[in-house]
């Protein structure tokens, strides 16, 4: 921007993380974070309360999140093979409850995180 009206649009860290911002000077908000692994995290919300809403992996899988900043929980994942997984539970305890296959067949699951089994 013009002198005195500069704003942050990109921030690069020694770790390889690159963060991208949008907004006017003093109100820049995080909208995207690129990780060294190739994963890109997407954020929504005003400055200071940006929350993760989506992560896109280099493999093509996409995870979707809901919740306030710091309490985002996975609610859905679209895998590269076309499977769509649905989750319930609070952050850190999300468990898969349903998976829809590309053929439109649906599989249902019970059990805690990491111990889900098809029923």
Protein backbone atom coordinates (compact mmCIF):
# COMPACT_ATOMS: atom_id res chain seq x y z
CA UNK A 1 0.00 0.00 0.00
CA UNK A 2 0.90 3.66 0.05
CA UNK A 3 3.44 4.92 2.56
CA UNK A 4 1.82 4.96 5.97
CA UNK A 5 -1.01 2.72 4.80
CA UNK A 6 0.98 -0.48 4.46
CA UNK A 7 -0.71 -3.65 5.64
CA UNK A 8 0.36 -7.22 6.22
CA UNK A 9 -0.53 -9.53 3.32
CA UNK A 10 1.97 -12.38 3.84
CA UNK A 11 4.15 -13.58 6.66
CA UNK A 12 6.88 -16.21 6.16
CA UNK A 13 8.41 -18.15 9.05
CA UNK A 14 11.77 -20.00 9.25
CA UNK A 15 9.80 -23.25 9.72
CA UNK A 16 8.49 -22.90 6.16
CA UNK A 17 4.97 -21.87 7.20
CA UNK A 18 3.50 -19.04 5.14
CA UNK A 19 0.46 -17.12 6.40
CA UNK A 20 -1.75 -14.94 4.18
CA UNK A 21 -3.87 -12.04 5.40
CA UNK A 22 -6.70 -9.85 4.12
CA UNK A 23 -8.17 -6.65 5.49
CA UNK A 24 -7.33 -3.02 6.06
CA UNK A 25 -4.28 -1.85 7.99
CA UNK A 26 -4.70 -2.73 11.65
CA UNK A 27 -7.53 -5.15 10.88
CA UNK A 28 -5.61 -7.75 8.88
CA UNK A 29 -7.03 -11.20 9.47
CA UNK A 30 -5.54 -14.61 8.78
CA UNK A 31 -7.25 -16.28 5.80
CA UNK A 32 -4.81 -19.02 4.78
CA UNK A 33 -1.79 -20.87 6.15
CA UNK A 34 0.49 -23.01 4.00
CA UNK A 35 2.40 -25.77 5.77
CA UNK A 36 5.67 -27.33 4.67
CA UNK A 37 3.83 -30.65 4.13
CA UNK A 38 1.76 -29.04 1.37
CA UNK A 39 -1.37 -28.83 3.51
CA UNK A 40 -3.24 -25.52 3.27
CA UNK A 41 -5.43 -24.38 6.17
CA UNK A 42 -8.27 -21.91 5.50
CA UNK A 43 -9.64 -19.50 8.12
CA UNK A 44 -12.69 -17.26 8.52
CA UNK A 45 -13.52 -14.59 11.07
CA UNK A 46 -12.37 -11.18 12.19
CA UNK A 47 -8.86 -10.42 13.40
CA UNK A 48 -8.08 -12.24 16.62
CA UNK A 49 -10.95 -14.71 16.32
CA UNK A 50 -10.05 -16.40 13.04
CA UNK A 51 -11.19 -20.01 13.10
CA UNK A 52 -10.07 -22.92 10.96
CA UNK A 53 -12.83 -23.94 8.56
CA UNK A 54 -11.03 -26.20 6.08
CA UNK A 55 -7.76 -28.03 5.52
CA UNK A 56 -6.69 -29.21 2.10
CA UNK A 57 -3.95 -31.82 1.90
CA UNK A 58 -1.58 -32.27 -1.00
CA UNK A 59 -3.17 -35.71 -1.53
CA UNK A 60 -6.45 -33.98 -2.39
CA UNK A 61 -8.38 -34.82 0.76
CA UNK A 62 -10.31 -31.95 2.39
CA UNK A 63 -11.39 -31.72 6.04
CA UNK A 64 -14.10 -29.31 7.19
CA UNK A 65 -14.33 -27.80 10.67
CA UNK A 66 -16.91 -25.96 12.79
CA UNK A 67 -16.53 -24.14 16.08
CA UNK A 68 -14.95 -21.07 17.58
CA UNK A 69 -11.21 -20.32 17.45
CA UNK A 70 -9.34 -22.89 19.48
CA UNK A 71 -12.34 -25.23 19.64
CA UNK A 72 -12.65 -26.17 15.97
CA UNK A 73 -13.85 -29.73 15.49
CA UNK A 74 -13.81 -31.87 12.36
CA UNK A 75 -17.32 -32.42 11.00
CA UNK A 76 -16.65 -33.82 7.53
CA UNK A 77 -13.83 -35.15 5.39
CA UNK A 78 -13.85 -35.65 1.63
CA UNK A 79 -11.16 -38.14 0.70
CA UNK A 80 -9.26 -38.25 -2.57
CA UNK A 81 -11.02 -41.53 -3.46
CA UNK A 82 -14.43 -39.82 -3.24
CA UNK A 83 -15.50 -41.18 0.15
CA UNK A 84 -17.17 -38.61 2.41
CA UNK A 85 -16.82 -39.15 6.15
CA UNK A 86 -19.04 -37.44 8.74
CA UNK A 87 -17.96 -36.83 12.34
CA UNK A 88 -19.55 -36.00 15.68
CA UNK A 89 -17.98 -34.98 18.98
CA UNK A 90 -16.00 -32.16 20.49
CA UNK A 91 -12.50 -31.17 19.44
CA UNK A 92 -10.06 -33.99 20.05
CA UNK A 93 -12.86 -36.54 20.47
CA UNK A 94 -14.38 -36.44 16.99
CA UNK A 95 -15.53 -39.87 15.86
CA UNK A 96 -16.68 -41.01 12.44
CA UNK A 97 -20.39 -41.84 12.46
CA UNK A 98 -21.10 -42.25 8.73
CA UNK A 99 -19.32 -42.67 5.44
CA UNK A 100 -20.90 -42.13 2.03
CA UNK A 101 -19.14 -43.95 -0.81
CA UNK A 102 -18.97 -42.71 -4.42
CA UNK A 103 -21.59 -45.38 -5.26
CA UNK A 104 -23.95 -43.51 -2.85
CA UNK A 105 -24.01 -46.46 -0.45
CA UNK A 106 -23.82 -45.42 3.20
CA UNK A 107 -21.90 -47.10 6.00
CA UNK A 108 -22.72 -46.31 9.65
CA UNK A 109 -20.23 -46.46 12.51
CA UNK A 110 -20.31 -46.67 16.32
CA UNK A 111 -17.57 -46.37 18.89
CA UNK A 112 -15.20 -43.76 20.21
CA UNK A 113 -12.49 -41.97 18.32
CA UNK A 114 -10.01 -44.43 16.86
CA UNK A 115 -12.25 -47.37 17.76
CA UNK A 116 -15.08 -46.78 15.28
CA UNK A 117 -16.62 -49.95 13.83
CA UNK A 118 -19.17 -50.39 11.08
CA UNK A 119 -22.63 -51.47 12.27
